């Protein structure tokens, strides 16, 4: 028997399971448990978990490292397996971009997936998909504002007033940039340069 098979290093004992343990357990179930609703999209398609990882949460954790806040387990190649080299901790936006069913939309000669258009426009991913399904033109679906609402960036900051700058792409499309997020990224980079690791500070919004 694998000496690491039942080792969780405090990720389950006496407390709520950690993100890392839940990610490992969930991926394993999607690949191996036909009773799960998601099995047909994973194990049913031949997606499997690396033998080392399947038998040992400890080895999975050693290869993947701690899960950063706000991220979940993602496969780089959505048709590939859960294995070293094909897995990462990713944000929700990164995962939406990487879905095999992702829809590509072209506006003024520029092609992006819906998740990327949602990120740059401040509109919701599902809002854009709904508009497209209702027959809206791609440009209108992504540029028409929500009634009575101010568009927000993925972090929840409003795109308005001094918190908004527009960057024009080579194709003439204007991307919204959230200044609050830009400042936060600058602070985070400065802290890392000074040796302050992410687990020692909270993201400032």
N, C-alpha and C. Protein backbone atom coordinates (compact mmCIF):
# COMPACT_ATOMS: atom_id res chain seq x y z
N UNK A 1 0.84 -1.20 0.00
CA UNK A 1 0.00 0.00 0.00
C UNK A 1 0.88 1.25 0.00
N UNK A 2 0.49 2.26 -0.76
CA UNK A 2 1.24 3.51 -0.83
C UNK A 2 1.30 4.14 0.56
N UNK A 3 2.52 4.45 1.03
CA UNK A 3 2.66 4.99 2.38
C UNK A 3 2.05 6.38 2.52
N UNK A 4 1.78 7.06 1.37
CA UNK A 4 1.21 8.40 1.41
C UNK A 4 -0.30 8.40 1.17
N UNK A 5 -0.89 7.25 0.93
CA UNK A 5 -2.27 7.17 0.45
C UNK A 5 -3.26 7.88 1.36
N UNK A 6 -3.11 7.72 2.66
CA UNK A 6 -4.08 8.30 3.58
C UNK A 6 -3.55 9.52 4.32
N UNK A 7 -2.44 10.08 3.83
CA UNK A 7 -1.84 11.22 4.49
C UNK A 7 -2.42 12.52 3.95
N UNK A 8 -2.96 13.35 4.86
CA UNK A 8 -3.53 14.63 4.43
C UNK A 8 -2.86 15.81 5.09
N UNK A 9 -1.92 15.57 6.00
CA UNK A 9 -1.15 16.63 6.64
C UNK A 9 -2.01 17.74 7.21
N UNK A 10 -3.04 17.34 7.94
CA UNK A 10 -3.87 18.33 8.62
C UNK A 10 -4.86 19.03 7.73
N UNK A 11 -5.02 18.58 6.49
CA UNK A 11 -5.94 19.25 5.57
C UNK A 11 -7.39 18.80 5.77
N UNK A 12 -7.60 17.80 6.62
CA UNK A 12 -8.97 17.37 6.92
C UNK A 12 -9.22 17.16 8.40
N UNK A 13 -8.19 16.79 9.14
CA UNK A 13 -8.37 16.35 10.53
C UNK A 13 -8.88 17.47 11.43
N UNK A 14 -10.05 17.23 12.04
CA UNK A 14 -10.56 18.13 13.07
C UNK A 14 -11.01 19.49 12.59
N UNK A 15 -11.08 19.70 11.31
CA UNK A 15 -11.53 20.99 10.81
C UNK A 15 -12.08 20.84 9.40
N UNK A 16 -12.59 21.94 8.88
CA UNK A 16 -13.14 21.91 7.53
C UNK A 16 -12.03 21.61 6.53
N UNK A 17 -12.28 20.72 5.55
CA UNK A 17 -11.24 20.41 4.56
C UNK A 17 -10.75 21.66 3.83
N UNK A 18 -9.49 21.69 3.51
CA UNK A 18 -8.91 22.85 2.84
C UNK A 18 -9.27 22.86 1.36
N UNK A 19 -8.99 23.99 0.71
CA UNK A 19 -9.25 24.12 -0.73
C UNK A 19 -8.46 23.07 -1.51
N UNK A 20 -7.22 22.84 -1.08
CA UNK A 20 -6.37 21.88 -1.79
C UNK A 20 -6.96 20.47 -1.73
N UNK A 21 -7.40 20.07 -0.53
CA UNK A 21 -7.95 18.73 -0.37
C UNK A 21 -9.26 18.58 -1.15
N UNK A 22 -10.12 19.59 -1.09
CA UNK A 22 -11.39 19.53 -1.82
C UNK A 22 -11.15 19.48 -3.32
N UNK A 23 -10.14 20.22 -3.79
CA UNK A 23 -9.82 20.20 -5.23
C UNK A 23 -9.38 18.82 -5.66
N UNK A 24 -8.50 18.20 -4.86
CA UNK A 24 -8.00 16.85 -5.17
C UNK A 24 -9.15 15.84 -5.15
N UNK A 25 -9.96 15.88 -4.10
CA UNK A 25 -11.06 14.94 -3.96
C UNK A 25 -12.09 15.12 -5.06
N UNK A 26 -12.39 16.38 -5.41
CA UNK A 26 -13.36 16.65 -6.46
C UNK A 26 -12.90 16.17 -7.82
N UNK A 27 -11.65 16.44 -8.15
CA UNK A 27 -11.11 16.01 -9.44
C UNK A 27 -11.09 14.48 -9.53
N UNK A 28 -10.71 13.85 -8.46
CA UNK A 28 -10.67 12.39 -8.43
C UNK A 28 -12.08 11.81 -8.64
N UNK A 29 -13.08 12.42 -7.99
CA UNK A 29 -14.45 11.95 -8.14
C UNK A 29 -14.98 12.14 -9.55
N UNK A 30 -14.65 13.28 -10.16
CA UNK A 30 -15.11 13.55 -11.52
C UNK A 30 -14.56 12.53 -12.51
N UNK A 31 -13.36 12.04 -12.21
CA UNK A 31 -12.72 11.07 -13.11
C UNK A 31 -13.16 9.63 -12.85
N UNK A 32 -13.55 9.30 -11.61
CA UNK A 32 -13.71 7.89 -11.25
C UNK A 32 -15.10 7.50 -10.77
N UNK A 33 -15.96 8.45 -10.46
CA UNK A 33 -17.26 8.11 -9.88
C UNK A 33 -18.40 8.34 -10.88
N UNK A 34 -18.90 7.28 -11.52
CA UNK A 34 -19.98 7.42 -12.51
C UNK A 34 -21.27 7.98 -11.92
N UNK A 35 -21.41 7.94 -10.60
CA UNK A 35 -22.63 8.46 -9.97
C UNK A 35 -22.66 9.98 -9.96
N UNK A 36 -21.52 10.63 -10.17
CA UNK A 36 -21.47 12.10 -10.19
C UNK A 36 -22.02 12.63 -11.51
N UNK A 37 -22.77 13.71 -11.44
CA UNK A 37 -23.35 14.32 -12.63
C UNK A 37 -22.28 14.76 -13.62
N UNK A 38 -21.12 15.15 -13.11
CA UNK A 38 -20.06 15.66 -13.98
C UNK A 38 -19.17 14.57 -14.57
N UNK A 39 -19.40 13.33 -14.18
CA UNK A 39 -18.54 12.23 -14.64
C UNK A 39 -18.50 12.15 -16.17
N UNK A 40 -19.64 12.39 -16.81
CA UNK A 40 -19.69 12.24 -18.28
C UNK A 40 -18.77 13.24 -18.99
N UNK A 41 -18.49 14.36 -18.34
CA UNK A 41 -17.61 15.36 -18.94
C UNK A 41 -16.14 15.08 -18.65
N UNK A 42 -15.86 14.14 -17.76
CA UNK A 42 -14.49 13.86 -17.35
C UNK A 42 -14.16 12.38 -17.55
N UNK A 43 -14.43 11.56 -16.54
CA UNK A 43 -14.15 10.13 -16.69
C UNK A 43 -14.85 9.53 -17.89
N UNK A 44 -16.06 9.99 -18.17
CA UNK A 44 -16.80 9.48 -19.32
C UNK A 44 -16.16 9.82 -20.65
N UNK A 45 -15.31 10.84 -20.67
CA UNK A 45 -14.59 11.22 -21.89
C UNK A 45 -13.16 10.67 -21.90
N UNK A 46 -12.84 9.88 -20.87
CA UNK A 46 -11.50 9.31 -20.81
C UNK A 46 -10.50 10.13 -20.02
N UNK A 47 -10.98 11.21 -19.38
CA UNK A 47 -10.08 12.02 -18.54
C UNK A 47 -9.79 11.25 -17.26
N UNK A 48 -8.54 11.16 -16.88
CA UNK A 48 -8.16 10.43 -15.67
C UNK A 48 -7.22 11.27 -14.82
N UNK A 49 -6.98 10.79 -13.61
CA UNK A 49 -6.04 11.44 -12.71
C UNK A 49 -4.74 10.65 -12.69
N UNK A 50 -3.64 11.36 -12.71
CA UNK A 50 -2.32 10.75 -12.61
C UNK A 50 -2.29 9.72 -11.48
N UNK A 51 -1.69 8.57 -11.73
CA UNK A 51 -1.67 7.49 -10.74
C UNK A 51 -1.09 7.93 -9.40
N UNK A 52 -0.01 8.71 -9.44
CA UNK A 52 0.61 9.19 -8.19
C UNK A 52 -0.37 10.04 -7.40
N UNK A 53 -1.04 10.94 -8.10
CA UNK A 53 -1.99 11.84 -7.44
C UNK A 53 -3.21 11.08 -6.93
N UNK A 54 -3.68 10.15 -7.72
CA UNK A 54 -4.89 9.41 -7.34
C UNK A 54 -4.69 8.66 -6.03
N UNK A 55 -3.49 8.14 -5.84
CA UNK A 55 -3.21 7.35 -4.65
C UNK A 55 -2.69 8.17 -3.48
N UNK A 56 -2.37 9.46 -3.70
CA UNK A 56 -1.74 10.23 -2.63
C UNK A 56 -2.05 11.71 -2.72
N UNK A 57 -2.84 12.19 -1.77
CA UNK A 57 -3.08 13.64 -1.70
C UNK A 57 -1.77 14.37 -1.41
N UNK A 58 -0.90 13.77 -0.60
CA UNK A 58 0.37 14.40 -0.25
C UNK A 58 1.20 14.71 -1.50
N UNK A 59 1.28 13.74 -2.43
CA UNK A 59 2.06 13.96 -3.65
C UNK A 59 1.41 15.01 -4.55
N UNK A 60 0.08 15.02 -4.59
CA UNK A 60 -0.65 16.05 -5.33
C UNK A 60 -0.28 17.43 -4.78
N UNK A 61 -0.30 17.56 -3.46
CA UNK A 61 -0.01 18.84 -2.82
C UNK A 61 1.45 19.25 -3.04
N UNK A 62 2.35 18.29 -3.00
CA UNK A 62 3.76 18.61 -3.23
C UNK A 62 3.98 19.14 -4.64
N UNK A 63 3.28 18.56 -5.61
CA UNK A 63 3.43 18.99 -7.00
C UNK A 63 2.74 20.32 -7.28
N UNK A 64 1.55 20.52 -6.70
CA UNK A 64 0.76 21.71 -7.01
C UNK A 64 1.07 22.89 -6.10
N UNK A 65 1.48 22.63 -4.86
CA UNK A 65 1.70 23.71 -3.92
C UNK A 65 0.38 24.23 -3.37
N UNK A 66 0.42 25.18 -2.43
CA UNK A 66 -0.81 25.72 -1.83
C UNK A 66 -1.67 26.42 -2.87
N UNK A 67 -2.97 26.38 -2.66
CA UNK A 67 -3.91 27.04 -3.57
C UNK A 67 -4.07 28.50 -3.16
N UNK A 68 -3.73 29.44 -4.02
CA UNK A 68 -3.91 30.87 -3.69
C UNK A 68 -5.38 31.20 -3.51
N UNK A 69 -5.66 32.20 -2.71
CA UNK A 69 -7.03 32.62 -2.47
C UNK A 69 -7.71 33.01 -3.77
N UNK A 70 -8.95 32.57 -3.94
CA UNK A 70 -9.73 32.93 -5.12
C UNK A 70 -9.47 32.07 -6.34
N UNK A 71 -8.65 31.03 -6.18
CA UNK A 71 -8.33 30.17 -7.33
C UNK A 71 -8.81 28.74 -7.08
N UNK A 72 -8.94 27.99 -8.15
CA UNK A 72 -9.33 26.59 -8.08
C UNK A 72 -8.49 25.79 -9.07
N UNK A 73 -8.62 24.47 -9.02
CA UNK A 73 -7.82 23.58 -9.87
C UNK A 73 -8.31 23.65 -11.31
N UNK A 74 -7.38 23.78 -12.24
CA UNK A 74 -7.72 23.91 -13.66
C UNK A 74 -6.76 23.09 -14.50
N UNK A 75 -7.27 22.48 -15.57
CA UNK A 75 -6.40 21.78 -16.52
C UNK A 75 -6.06 22.73 -17.67
N UNK A 76 -4.81 22.87 -17.99
CA UNK A 76 -4.36 23.77 -19.04
C UNK A 76 -4.92 23.33 -20.39
N UNK A 77 -4.81 22.04 -20.68
CA UNK A 77 -5.45 21.45 -21.86
C UNK A 77 -6.74 20.81 -21.38
N UNK A 78 -7.92 21.39 -21.73
CA UNK A 78 -9.18 20.85 -21.21
C UNK A 78 -9.50 19.44 -21.69
N UNK A 79 -8.75 18.94 -22.67
CA UNK A 79 -8.92 17.57 -23.11
C UNK A 79 -7.85 16.65 -22.52
N UNK A 80 -6.97 17.21 -21.70
CA UNK A 80 -5.91 16.43 -21.09
C UNK A 80 -6.29 15.93 -19.71
N UNK A 81 -5.37 15.22 -19.09
CA UNK A 81 -5.64 14.58 -17.80
C UNK A 81 -5.26 15.50 -16.63
N UNK A 82 -5.69 15.10 -15.43
CA UNK A 82 -5.23 15.74 -14.20
C UNK A 82 -3.87 15.15 -13.89
N UNK A 83 -2.82 15.84 -14.25
CA UNK A 83 -1.48 15.33 -14.09
C UNK A 83 -0.48 16.47 -14.05
N UNK A 84 0.73 16.23 -13.50
CA UNK A 84 1.74 17.28 -13.47
C UNK A 84 2.01 17.82 -14.87
N UNK A 85 2.13 19.12 -14.99
CA UNK A 85 2.37 19.74 -16.28
C UNK A 85 1.11 20.18 -16.98
N UNK A 86 -0.04 19.63 -16.58
CA UNK A 86 -1.30 20.03 -17.21
C UNK A 86 -2.27 20.65 -16.22
N UNK A 87 -1.83 20.90 -14.99
CA UNK A 87 -2.72 21.47 -13.98
C UNK A 87 -2.11 22.72 -13.38
N UNK A 88 -2.98 23.62 -12.96
CA UNK A 88 -2.56 24.88 -12.34
C UNK A 88 -3.67 25.35 -11.42
N UNK A 89 -3.35 26.29 -10.56
CA UNK A 89 -4.36 27.01 -9.79
C UNK A 89 -4.73 28.22 -10.63
N UNK A 90 -6.02 28.39 -10.92
CA UNK A 90 -6.44 29.45 -11.83
C UNK A 90 -7.65 30.21 -11.28
N UNK A 91 -7.78 31.45 -11.73
CA UNK A 91 -8.94 32.25 -11.34
C UNK A 91 -10.16 31.81 -12.16
N UNK A 92 -11.32 32.29 -11.75
CA UNK A 92 -12.56 31.97 -12.46
C UNK A 92 -12.49 32.46 -13.90
N UNK A 93 -11.95 33.65 -14.11
CA UNK A 93 -11.85 34.20 -15.46
C UNK A 93 -10.93 33.35 -16.32
N UNK A 94 -9.79 32.93 -15.76
CA UNK A 94 -8.87 32.07 -16.52
C UNK A 94 -9.55 30.77 -16.90
N UNK A 95 -10.34 30.21 -16.00
CA UNK A 95 -11.00 28.95 -16.30
C UNK A 95 -12.07 29.12 -17.36
N UNK A 96 -12.82 30.23 -17.31
CA UNK A 96 -13.83 30.47 -18.34
C UNK A 96 -13.19 30.60 -19.71
N UNK A 97 -12.02 31.25 -19.75
CA UNK A 97 -11.31 31.39 -21.02
C UNK A 97 -10.87 30.04 -21.57
N UNK A 98 -10.62 29.10 -20.66
CA UNK A 98 -10.01 27.83 -21.03
C UNK A 98 -11.02 26.71 -21.28
N UNK A 99 -12.31 26.99 -21.16
CA UNK A 99 -13.31 25.94 -21.34
C UNK A 99 -13.35 25.47 -22.80
N UNK A 100 -13.49 24.16 -23.00
CA UNK A 100 -13.52 23.64 -24.37
C UNK A 100 -14.77 24.08 -25.11
N UNK A 101 -15.82 24.49 -24.34
CA UNK A 101 -17.07 24.93 -24.96
C UNK A 101 -17.12 26.45 -25.11
N UNK A 102 -16.01 27.12 -24.83
CA UNK A 102 -16.02 28.58 -24.85
C UNK A 102 -16.37 29.11 -26.23
N UNK A 103 -17.13 30.18 -26.24
CA UNK A 103 -17.58 30.78 -27.50
C UNK A 103 -16.67 31.93 -27.89
N UNK A 104 -16.26 31.95 -29.13
CA UNK A 104 -15.42 33.03 -29.65
C UNK A 104 -16.29 34.06 -30.34
N UNK A 105 -16.00 35.32 -30.11
CA UNK A 105 -16.77 36.42 -30.69
C UNK A 105 -15.81 37.39 -31.36
N UNK A 106 -16.14 37.80 -32.59
CA UNK A 106 -15.30 38.73 -33.34
C UNK A 106 -15.99 40.07 -33.48
N UNK A 107 -15.30 41.13 -33.10
CA UNK A 107 -15.81 42.49 -33.23
C UNK A 107 -14.74 43.35 -33.88
N UNK A 108 -15.10 43.98 -34.98
CA UNK A 108 -14.17 44.85 -35.70
C UNK A 108 -12.84 44.15 -35.99
N UNK A 109 -12.93 42.88 -36.36
CA UNK A 109 -11.74 42.12 -36.73
C UNK A 109 -10.95 41.55 -35.58
N UNK A 110 -11.40 41.77 -34.33
CA UNK A 110 -10.69 41.25 -33.15
C UNK A 110 -11.49 40.11 -32.54
N UNK A 111 -10.88 38.94 -32.41
CA UNK A 111 -11.55 37.76 -31.88
C UNK A 111 -11.08 37.44 -30.47
N UNK A 112 -12.04 37.30 -29.56
CA UNK A 112 -11.76 36.92 -28.18
C UNK A 112 -12.85 35.96 -27.72
N UNK A 113 -12.58 35.23 -26.64
CA UNK A 113 -13.64 34.43 -26.04
C UNK A 113 -14.54 35.36 -25.23
N UNK A 114 -15.75 34.89 -24.93
CA UNK A 114 -16.73 35.72 -24.23
C UNK A 114 -16.20 36.18 -22.87
N UNK A 115 -15.46 35.30 -22.19
CA UNK A 115 -14.92 35.67 -20.88
C UNK A 115 -13.99 36.88 -20.98
N UNK A 116 -13.21 36.96 -22.03
CA UNK A 116 -12.30 38.09 -22.20
C UNK A 116 -13.07 39.37 -22.52
N UNK A 117 -14.11 39.24 -23.37
CA UNK A 117 -14.94 40.42 -23.65
C UNK A 117 -15.64 40.89 -22.37
N UNK A 118 -16.07 39.94 -21.54
CA UNK A 118 -16.74 40.30 -20.29
C UNK A 118 -15.77 41.05 -19.37
N UNK A 119 -14.53 40.59 -19.32
CA UNK A 119 -13.54 41.21 -18.45
C UNK A 119 -13.24 42.64 -18.88
N UNK A 120 -13.10 42.86 -20.19
CA UNK A 120 -12.74 44.20 -20.66
C UNK A 120 -13.92 45.16 -20.68
N UNK A 121 -15.14 44.63 -20.82
CA UNK A 121 -16.32 45.49 -20.90
C UNK A 121 -16.94 45.80 -19.54
N UNK A 122 -16.70 44.91 -18.57
CA UNK A 122 -17.32 45.08 -17.26
C UNK A 122 -18.69 44.46 -17.17
N UNK A 123 -19.18 43.88 -18.25
CA UNK A 123 -20.47 43.19 -18.24
C UNK A 123 -20.28 41.75 -17.77
N UNK A 124 -21.36 41.14 -17.31
CA UNK A 124 -21.29 39.77 -16.85
C UNK A 124 -21.17 38.79 -18.00
N UNK A 125 -20.46 37.69 -17.76
CA UNK A 125 -20.29 36.64 -18.76
C UNK A 125 -21.64 36.12 -19.24
N UNK A 126 -22.53 35.83 -18.29
CA UNK A 126 -23.84 35.29 -18.65
C UNK A 126 -24.71 36.33 -19.34
N UNK A 127 -24.53 37.60 -18.98
CA UNK A 127 -25.29 38.67 -19.63
C UNK A 127 -24.97 38.71 -21.12
N UNK A 128 -23.68 38.64 -21.43
CA UNK A 128 -23.28 38.67 -22.84
C UNK A 128 -23.80 37.44 -23.60
N UNK A 129 -23.68 36.26 -22.99
CA UNK A 129 -24.17 35.05 -23.64
C UNK A 129 -25.67 35.13 -23.89
N UNK A 130 -26.42 35.64 -22.93
CA UNK A 130 -27.88 35.76 -23.07
C UNK A 130 -28.22 36.70 -24.21
N UNK A 131 -27.53 37.82 -24.28
CA UNK A 131 -27.78 38.78 -25.35
C UNK A 131 -27.50 38.17 -26.73
N UNK A 132 -26.39 37.45 -26.83
CA UNK A 132 -26.05 36.82 -28.11
C UNK A 132 -27.10 35.78 -28.50
N UNK A 133 -27.58 35.02 -27.51
CA UNK A 133 -28.61 33.99 -27.80
C UNK A 133 -29.94 34.62 -28.23
N UNK A 134 -30.15 35.88 -27.82
CA UNK A 134 -31.37 36.58 -28.19
C UNK A 134 -31.24 37.31 -29.52
N UNK A 135 -30.10 37.14 -30.18
CA UNK A 135 -29.94 37.71 -31.51
C UNK A 135 -29.26 39.07 -31.56
N UNK A 136 -28.74 39.55 -30.42
CA UNK A 136 -28.03 40.82 -30.43
C UNK A 136 -26.77 40.69 -31.30
N UNK A 137 -26.37 41.78 -31.94
CA UNK A 137 -25.11 41.76 -32.65
C UNK A 137 -23.98 41.70 -31.62
N UNK A 138 -22.83 41.09 -31.96
CA UNK A 138 -21.74 41.01 -30.98
C UNK A 138 -21.34 42.36 -30.41
N UNK A 139 -21.25 43.38 -31.27
CA UNK A 139 -20.80 44.70 -30.79
C UNK A 139 -21.80 45.29 -29.80
N UNK A 140 -23.10 45.17 -30.09
CA UNK A 140 -24.11 45.71 -29.19
C UNK A 140 -24.15 44.91 -27.89
N UNK A 141 -24.02 43.57 -28.00
CA UNK A 141 -24.09 42.71 -26.81
C UNK A 141 -23.01 43.05 -25.81
N UNK A 142 -21.88 43.53 -26.29
CA UNK A 142 -20.74 43.77 -25.41
C UNK A 142 -20.57 45.24 -25.03
N UNK A 143 -21.16 46.13 -25.80
CA UNK A 143 -20.97 47.56 -25.51
C UNK A 143 -22.18 48.23 -24.89
N UNK A 144 -23.38 47.60 -24.98
CA UNK A 144 -24.59 48.23 -24.47
C UNK A 144 -24.65 48.08 -22.95
N UNK A 145 -24.72 49.17 -22.18
CA UNK A 145 -24.69 49.07 -20.72
C UNK A 145 -25.97 48.50 -20.13
N UNK A 146 -25.86 47.95 -18.93
CA UNK A 146 -27.04 47.48 -18.22
C UNK A 146 -27.85 48.67 -17.72
N UNK A 147 -29.16 48.55 -17.76
CA UNK A 147 -30.02 49.64 -17.32
C UNK A 147 -29.82 49.92 -15.84
N UNK A 148 -29.55 51.19 -15.53
CA UNK A 148 -29.47 51.61 -14.14
C UNK A 148 -28.29 51.07 -13.38
N UNK A 149 -27.35 50.44 -14.06
CA UNK A 149 -26.19 49.87 -13.36
C UNK A 149 -24.89 50.39 -13.97
N UNK A 150 -23.89 50.54 -13.12
CA UNK A 150 -22.57 50.92 -13.59
C UNK A 150 -21.75 49.64 -13.77
N UNK A 151 -21.19 49.41 -14.95
CA UNK A 151 -20.39 48.20 -15.15
C UNK A 151 -19.27 48.10 -14.13
N UNK A 152 -18.91 46.86 -13.78
CA UNK A 152 -17.86 46.63 -12.79
C UNK A 152 -16.76 45.75 -13.37
N UNK A 153 -15.57 45.89 -12.81
CA UNK A 153 -14.47 45.01 -13.18
C UNK A 153 -14.66 43.68 -12.47
N UNK A 154 -13.90 42.62 -12.84
CA UNK A 154 -14.07 41.31 -12.20
C UNK A 154 -13.87 41.33 -10.68
N UNK A 155 -13.12 42.32 -10.15
CA UNK A 155 -12.90 42.40 -8.71
C UNK A 155 -14.02 43.14 -7.99
N UNK A 156 -14.98 43.69 -8.75
CA UNK A 156 -16.12 44.36 -8.13
C UNK A 156 -16.00 45.86 -8.02
N UNK A 157 -14.97 46.48 -8.62
CA UNK A 157 -14.85 47.94 -8.62
C UNK A 157 -15.69 48.51 -9.76
N UNK A 158 -16.35 49.63 -9.52
CA UNK A 158 -17.14 50.26 -10.56
C UNK A 158 -16.24 50.94 -11.59
N UNK A 159 -16.59 50.74 -12.87
CA UNK A 159 -15.91 51.45 -13.95
C UNK A 159 -16.55 52.84 -14.07
N UNK A 160 -16.08 53.79 -13.34
CA UNK A 160 -16.69 55.11 -13.40
C UNK A 160 -15.72 56.17 -12.92
N UNK A 161 -15.93 57.41 -13.38
CA UNK A 161 -15.16 58.54 -12.91
C UNK A 161 -13.67 58.34 -12.98
N UNK A 162 -12.99 58.60 -11.87
CA UNK A 162 -11.54 58.54 -11.84
C UNK A 162 -11.00 57.11 -11.78
N UNK A 163 -11.89 56.13 -11.67
CA UNK A 163 -11.45 54.73 -11.58
C UNK A 163 -11.42 54.05 -12.95
N UNK A 164 -11.59 54.82 -14.02
CA UNK A 164 -11.68 54.22 -15.35
C UNK A 164 -10.74 54.91 -16.33
N UNK A 165 -9.96 54.12 -17.06
CA UNK A 165 -9.24 54.63 -18.21
C UNK A 165 -9.55 53.71 -19.38
N UNK A 166 -9.50 54.24 -20.58
CA UNK A 166 -9.77 53.47 -21.80
C UNK A 166 -8.49 53.34 -22.60
N UNK A 167 -8.19 52.10 -23.00
CA UNK A 167 -7.03 51.83 -23.84
C UNK A 167 -7.53 51.35 -25.19
N UNK A 168 -7.12 52.01 -26.25
CA UNK A 168 -7.57 51.65 -27.59
C UNK A 168 -6.63 50.62 -28.19
N UNK A 169 -7.20 49.48 -28.66
CA UNK A 169 -6.40 48.43 -29.27
C UNK A 169 -6.06 48.81 -30.71
N UNK A 170 -5.22 47.97 -31.34
CA UNK A 170 -4.81 48.23 -32.72
C UNK A 170 -6.01 48.22 -33.66
N UNK A 171 -7.07 47.48 -33.27
CA UNK A 171 -8.26 47.40 -34.11
C UNK A 171 -9.29 48.48 -33.78
N UNK A 172 -8.95 49.36 -32.84
CA UNK A 172 -9.86 50.45 -32.51
C UNK A 172 -10.85 50.14 -31.41
N UNK A 173 -10.79 48.92 -30.85
CA UNK A 173 -11.70 48.58 -29.75
C UNK A 173 -11.16 49.16 -28.46
N UNK A 174 -12.06 49.76 -27.67
CA UNK A 174 -11.64 50.39 -26.42
C UNK A 174 -11.81 49.43 -25.25
N UNK A 175 -10.72 49.15 -24.56
CA UNK A 175 -10.74 48.31 -23.37
C UNK A 175 -10.83 49.17 -22.12
N UNK A 176 -11.72 48.77 -21.20
CA UNK A 176 -11.77 49.45 -19.91
C UNK A 176 -10.67 48.90 -19.01
N UNK A 177 -10.00 49.78 -18.30
CA UNK A 177 -8.97 49.37 -17.34
C UNK A 177 -9.34 49.97 -15.98
N UNK A 178 -9.40 49.11 -14.97
CA UNK A 178 -9.75 49.55 -13.62
C UNK A 178 -8.49 50.05 -12.91
N UNK A 179 -8.49 51.33 -12.53
CA UNK A 179 -7.32 51.89 -11.88
C UNK A 179 -7.10 51.32 -10.48
N UNK A 180 -8.19 50.97 -9.79
CA UNK A 180 -8.04 50.38 -8.44
C UNK A 180 -7.29 49.06 -8.53
N UNK A 181 -7.65 48.22 -9.50
CA UNK A 181 -6.95 46.94 -9.67
C UNK A 181 -5.49 47.17 -10.08
N UNK A 182 -5.28 48.16 -10.93
CA UNK A 182 -3.92 48.45 -11.37
C UNK A 182 -3.06 48.88 -10.20
N UNK A 183 -3.62 49.72 -9.31
CA UNK A 183 -2.88 50.14 -8.12
C UNK A 183 -2.60 48.96 -7.21
N UNK A 184 -3.59 48.06 -7.05
CA UNK A 184 -3.41 46.90 -6.18
C UNK A 184 -2.31 45.99 -6.70
N UNK A 185 -2.27 45.81 -8.03
CA UNK A 185 -1.22 44.97 -8.60
C UNK A 185 0.15 45.59 -8.34
N UNK A 186 0.21 46.93 -8.42
CA UNK A 186 1.47 47.61 -8.14
C UNK A 186 1.90 47.43 -6.69
N UNK A 187 0.93 47.53 -5.76
CA UNK A 187 1.25 47.32 -4.34
C UNK A 187 1.73 45.90 -4.09
N UNK A 188 1.02 44.93 -4.72
CA UNK A 188 1.39 43.53 -4.53
C UNK A 188 2.79 43.26 -5.04
N UNK A 189 3.11 43.82 -6.23
CA UNK A 189 4.46 43.62 -6.79
C UNK A 189 5.52 44.22 -5.87
N UNK A 190 5.21 45.41 -5.31
CA UNK A 190 6.16 46.06 -4.40
C UNK A 190 6.38 45.22 -3.15
N UNK A 191 5.30 44.65 -2.62
CA UNK A 191 5.42 43.82 -1.41
C UNK A 191 6.25 42.58 -1.68
N UNK A 192 6.02 41.96 -2.85
CA UNK A 192 6.79 40.76 -3.18
C UNK A 192 8.27 41.10 -3.31
N UNK A 193 8.56 42.26 -3.91
CA UNK A 193 9.97 42.66 -4.04
C UNK A 193 10.60 42.87 -2.68
N UNK A 194 9.78 43.27 -1.71
CA UNK A 194 10.29 43.50 -0.36
C UNK A 194 10.22 42.26 0.53
N UNK A 195 9.88 41.13 -0.08
CA UNK A 195 9.89 39.87 0.65
C UNK A 195 8.63 39.55 1.41
N UNK A 196 7.54 40.29 1.16
CA UNK A 196 6.27 40.00 1.83
C UNK A 196 5.48 39.03 0.96
N UNK A 197 5.25 37.82 1.45
CA UNK A 197 4.56 36.80 0.68
C UNK A 197 3.06 37.01 0.74
N UNK A 198 2.29 36.50 -0.28
CA UNK A 198 0.84 36.73 -0.34
C UNK A 198 0.08 36.29 0.90
N UNK A 199 0.56 35.27 1.61
CA UNK A 199 -0.18 34.81 2.78
C UNK A 199 -0.04 35.77 3.97
N UNK A 200 0.76 36.83 3.81
CA UNK A 200 0.96 37.77 4.92
C UNK A 200 0.20 39.08 4.74
N UNK A 201 -0.54 39.21 3.61
CA UNK A 201 -1.32 40.43 3.47
C UNK A 201 -2.63 40.11 2.75
N UNK A 202 -3.59 40.99 2.93
CA UNK A 202 -4.87 40.88 2.23
C UNK A 202 -4.86 41.76 1.00
N UNK A 203 -5.54 41.32 -0.03
CA UNK A 203 -5.66 42.15 -1.21
C UNK A 203 -6.47 43.39 -0.88
N UNK A 204 -5.96 44.54 -1.22
CA UNK A 204 -6.64 45.80 -0.94
C UNK A 204 -7.52 46.15 -2.12
N UNK A 205 -8.78 46.44 -1.85
CA UNK A 205 -9.70 46.80 -2.91
C UNK A 205 -10.13 48.25 -2.76
